[in-house]
Amino acid sequence: NGQFVQASDNRLLNTVWEKPLETPPLTMEIINDFVYLGTNQGLFRSSTLSGALVQKEPKKLVWTHLLKEAVYTIHHDPSDTITVGTKYGIKQNRGEGWEHIGKEEGLDIPVVRTLDSTPDGALWIGTQQGLGEWDHGSLRWHKLPDLGAPIRITTIEAISRNEIWIGTNTAGLFRFCLLYTSPSPRDS
């Protein structure tokens, strides 16, 4: 399960190979000394990494099954909220259990492939439906250019509320610059 490898500068590097699940990870995030894995079987969290990689015999990680639906993306924001994009919408955990954001909140196509948040707390959502902005319990959809074929967003990097970089499966990379003409939900 673990082995030491001699690095070129004579340091010993401890490598760990873990296969906790029968399906491969679709996404991964290290949050507060835990590994979170999103798979087709759900969301899993490891036992603490503290000291796991510096021992001569690395300790085997123990995995806890947190959610039982396919998880495609994991996002951790500065307020310590963990948000995951799933096959059935979005789940958020602020430390008091999982809350669901789905069809009732305007997420008509529930498969969420990517998430990111801006420094002011708005959550940006990438789906086959397009680009969504979740802010203070309100979901707003933003129109992407019509290129004659459906655009599925595969990755998002939110620089600010007004600048979002978007990677797509068919149309390449977009820089989305948003100019608000009406007040944001955050302004009310």
Protein backbone atom coordinates (compact mmCIF):
# COMPACT_ATOMS: atom_id res chain seq x y z
CA ASN A 1 0.00 0.00 0.00
CA GLY A 2 2.88 2.41 0.55
CA GLN A 3 6.49 2.66 -0.42
CA PHE A 4 9.40 5.02 -0.14
CA VAL A 5 10.95 6.38 -3.32
CA GLN A 6 14.38 8.02 -3.49
CA ALA A 7 14.07 11.50 -4.98
CA SER A 8 16.85 13.04 -7.07
CA ASP A 9 17.90 15.28 -4.14
CA ASN A 10 18.17 12.25 -1.77
CA ARG A 11 14.90 12.97 0.05
CA LEU A 12 12.69 10.01 0.73
CA LEU A 13 9.24 10.42 -0.74
CA ASN A 14 6.44 8.34 0.72
CA THR A 15 3.88 7.33 -1.89
CA VAL A 16 0.50 5.89 -0.97
CA TRP A 17 -1.79 3.99 -3.28
CA GLU A 18 -5.38 3.84 -2.12
CA LYS A 19 -8.23 2.01 -3.78
CA PRO A 20 -11.08 2.62 -1.36
CA LEU A 21 -13.92 2.10 -3.81
CA GLU A 22 -14.99 -0.09 -6.66
CA THR A 23 -15.51 2.88 -8.99
CA PRO A 24 -12.83 5.43 -9.82
CA PRO A 25 -12.94 8.98 -8.46
CA LEU A 26 -14.60 11.56 -10.71
CA THR A 27 -13.40 14.46 -8.58
CA MET A 28 -11.33 15.04 -5.45
CA GLU A 29 -10.73 17.83 -2.95
CA ILE A 30 -8.59 17.97 0.18
CA ILE A 31 -10.46 19.92 2.85
CA ASN A 32 -9.28 20.46 6.42
CA ASP A 33 -6.92 17.45 6.39
CA PHE A 34 -9.47 15.05 4.84
CA VAL A 35 -9.71 13.72 1.28
CA TYR A 36 -13.17 14.02 -0.26
CA LEU A 37 -13.83 11.77 -3.28
CA GLY A 38 -16.76 12.10 -5.64
CA THR A 39 -17.65 8.92 -7.53
CA ASN A 40 -20.60 7.35 -9.32
CA GLN A 41 -21.34 5.68 -5.97
CA GLY A 42 -21.48 8.98 -4.07
CA LEU A 43 -19.34 11.20 -1.86
CA PHE A 44 -16.71 9.69 0.43
CA ARG A 45 -14.48 11.30 3.10
CA SER A 46 -11.22 9.80 4.33
CA SER A 47 -10.01 9.51 7.87
CA THR A 48 -7.64 12.35 8.77
CA LEU A 49 -4.47 12.69 6.73
CA SER A 50 -2.62 14.02 9.76
CA GLY A 51 0.63 12.06 9.93
CA ALA A 52 -0.58 9.53 7.34
CA LEU A 53 2.09 10.35 4.79
CA VAL A 54 5.12 10.82 7.03
CA GLN A 55 5.21 7.44 8.75
CA LYS A 56 7.52 4.64 7.58
CA GLU A 57 4.44 2.50 7.05
CA PRO A 58 1.68 4.82 5.86
CA LYS A 59 -1.57 4.30 7.69
CA LYS A 60 -4.45 3.02 5.62
CA LEU A 61 -7.21 5.57 5.19
CA VAL A 62 -10.71 4.71 6.39
CA TRP A 63 -13.52 5.98 4.17
CA THR A 64 -16.94 7.25 5.24
CA HIS A 65 -19.82 7.27 2.72
CA LEU A 66 -21.46 10.72 3.07
CA LEU A 67 -23.86 10.85 0.10
CA LYS A 68 -25.25 8.04 -2.04
CA GLU A 69 -25.67 9.75 -5.41
CA ALA A 70 -23.12 10.36 -8.18
CA VAL A 71 -20.89 13.35 -7.33
CA TYR A 72 -19.21 15.14 -10.25
CA THR A 73 -17.64 18.16 -8.56
CA ILE A 74 -16.65 19.27 -5.06
CA HIS A 75 -16.19 22.88 -3.99
CA HIS A 76 -15.00 24.26 -0.64
CA ASP A 77 -15.38 27.99 -0.07
CA PRO A 78 -13.74 30.36 2.44
CA SER A 79 -16.79 30.20 4.74
CA ASP A 80 -16.06 26.45 5.14
CA THR A 81 -19.14 25.41 3.15
CA ILE A 82 -18.74 22.20 1.16
CA THR A 83 -20.83 22.15 -2.01
CA VAL A 84 -21.09 19.21 -4.38
CA GLY A 85 -22.58 18.93 -7.85
CA THR A 86 -24.49 15.69 -8.25
CA LYS A 87 -26.64 13.79 -10.68
CA TYR A 88 -29.70 15.29 -8.94
CA GLY A 89 -28.64 18.88 -8.29
CA ILE A 90 -26.51 20.53 -5.65
CA LYS A 91 -25.91 19.58 -2.04
CA GLN A 92 -24.42 22.07 0.44
CA ASN A 93 -23.11 21.43 3.93
CA ARG A 94 -22.35 24.34 6.25
CA GLY A 95 -21.60 21.95 9.12
CA GLU A 96 -25.21 21.16 10.00
CA GLY A 97 -26.13 18.52 7.41
CA TRP A 98 -26.79 18.55 3.69
CA GLU A 99 -29.21 20.99 2.03
CA HIS A 100 -30.52 20.33 -1.48
CA ILE A 101 -30.75 22.82 -4.36
CA GLY A 102 -32.70 21.32 -7.25
CA LYS A 103 -35.74 21.69 -9.50
CA GLU A 104 -37.79 23.60 -6.91
CA GLU A 105 -35.08 26.28 -6.85
CA GLY A 106 -34.90 26.52 -10.67
CA LEU A 107 -32.29 23.90 -11.48
CA ASP A 108 -34.31 22.31 -14.32
CA ILE A 109 -31.47 20.11 -15.63
CA PRO A 110 -30.10 18.70 -12.39
CA VAL A 111 -26.73 17.27 -13.50
CA VAL A 112 -24.14 19.72 -12.13
CA ARG A 113 -20.67 19.19 -13.59
CA THR A 114 -18.71 22.10 -12.12
CA LEU A 115 -18.92 24.72 -9.36
CA ASP A 116 -16.93 27.71 -8.19
CA SER A 117 -17.61 30.70 -5.96
CA THR A 118 -16.63 34.32 -6.12
CA PRO A 119 -14.96 36.08 -3.17
CA ASP A 120 -18.29 37.69 -2.25
CA GLY A 121 -19.97 34.27 -1.90
CA ALA A 122 -21.95 33.82 -5.12
CA LEU A 123 -21.90 30.20 -6.31
CA TRP A 124 -21.46 29.65 -10.05
CA ILE A 125 -22.93 26.47 -11.52
CA GLY A 126 -22.05 24.75 -14.79
CA THR A 127 -24.59 22.36 -16.34
CA GLN A 128 -25.90 21.27 -19.72
CA GLN A 129 -28.51 23.99 -19.16
CA GLY A 130 -25.82 26.67 -19.08
CA LEU A 131 -24.31 28.97 -16.50
CA GLY A 132 -26.18 29.55 -13.25
CA GLU A 133 -25.51 31.97 -10.41
CA TRP A 134 -26.82 30.98 -6.94
CA ASP A 135 -26.86 33.88 -4.51
CA HIS A 136 -28.83 34.25 -1.27
CA GLY A 137 -31.34 31.55 -2.17
CA SER A 138 -31.94 32.83 -5.69
CA LEU A 139 -30.87 31.16 -8.94
CA ARG A 140 -30.24 33.29 -12.03
CA TRP A 141 -29.35 31.80 -15.45
CA HIS A 142 -27.00 33.58 -17.83
CA LYS A 143 -27.28 33.14 -21.58
CA LEU A 144 -24.22 31.86 -23.40
CA PRO A 145 -23.58 32.51 -27.10
CA ASP A 146 -25.62 30.45 -29.55
CA LEU A 147 -23.07 28.48 -31.55
CA GLY A 148 -25.55 26.18 -33.26
CA ALA A 149 -24.86 23.24 -30.96
CA PRO A 150 -25.56 22.66 -27.26
CA ILE A 151 -22.76 23.85 -25.01
CA ARG A 152 -22.05 21.75 -21.93
CA ILE A 153 -19.96 23.58 -19.35
CA THR A 154 -17.17 21.35 -18.05
CA THR A 155 -15.20 23.74 -15.83
CA ILE A 156 -15.55 27.19 -14.27
CA GLU A 157 -13.05 29.58 -12.69
CA ALA A 158 -14.82 32.49 -11.00
CA ILE A 159 -12.39 35.40 -10.70
CA SER A 160 -15.00 37.89 -9.49
CA ARG A 161 -18.75 38.35 -9.74
CA ASN A 162 -18.16 40.04 -13.11
CA GLU A 163 -15.49 37.75 -14.59
CA ILE A 164 -16.01 34.01 -15.02
CA TRP A 165 -13.85 31.75 -17.18
CA ILE A 166 -15.80 28.85 -18.70
CA GLY A 167 -14.48 25.68 -20.32
CA THR A 168 -16.89 23.74 -22.54
CA ASN A 169 -16.98 20.35 -24.22
CA THR A 170 -17.59 21.67 -27.76
CA ALA A 171 -16.97 25.41 -27.91
CA GLY A 172 -13.62 25.85 -26.16
CA LEU A 173 -12.90 28.50 -23.55
CA PHE A 174 -14.97 31.61 -22.83
CA ARG A 175 -14.29 34.65 -20.69
CA PHE A 176 -17.72 35.66 -19.42
CA CYS A 177 -17.86 39.32 -18.36
CA LEU A 178 -21.08 40.21 -16.65
CA LEU A 179 -22.49 43.73 -16.58
CA TYR A 180 -25.43 43.98 -14.21
CA THR A 181 -28.29 46.14 -15.42
CA SER A 182 -30.53 45.29 -12.48
CA PRO A 183 -29.67 44.88 -8.81
CA SER A 184 -28.11 41.61 -7.75
CA PRO A 185 -29.94 39.58 -5.07
CA ARG A 186 -26.95 40.47 -2.89
CA ASP A 187 -27.84 44.19 -3.20
CA SER A 188 -31.28 43.76 -1.62
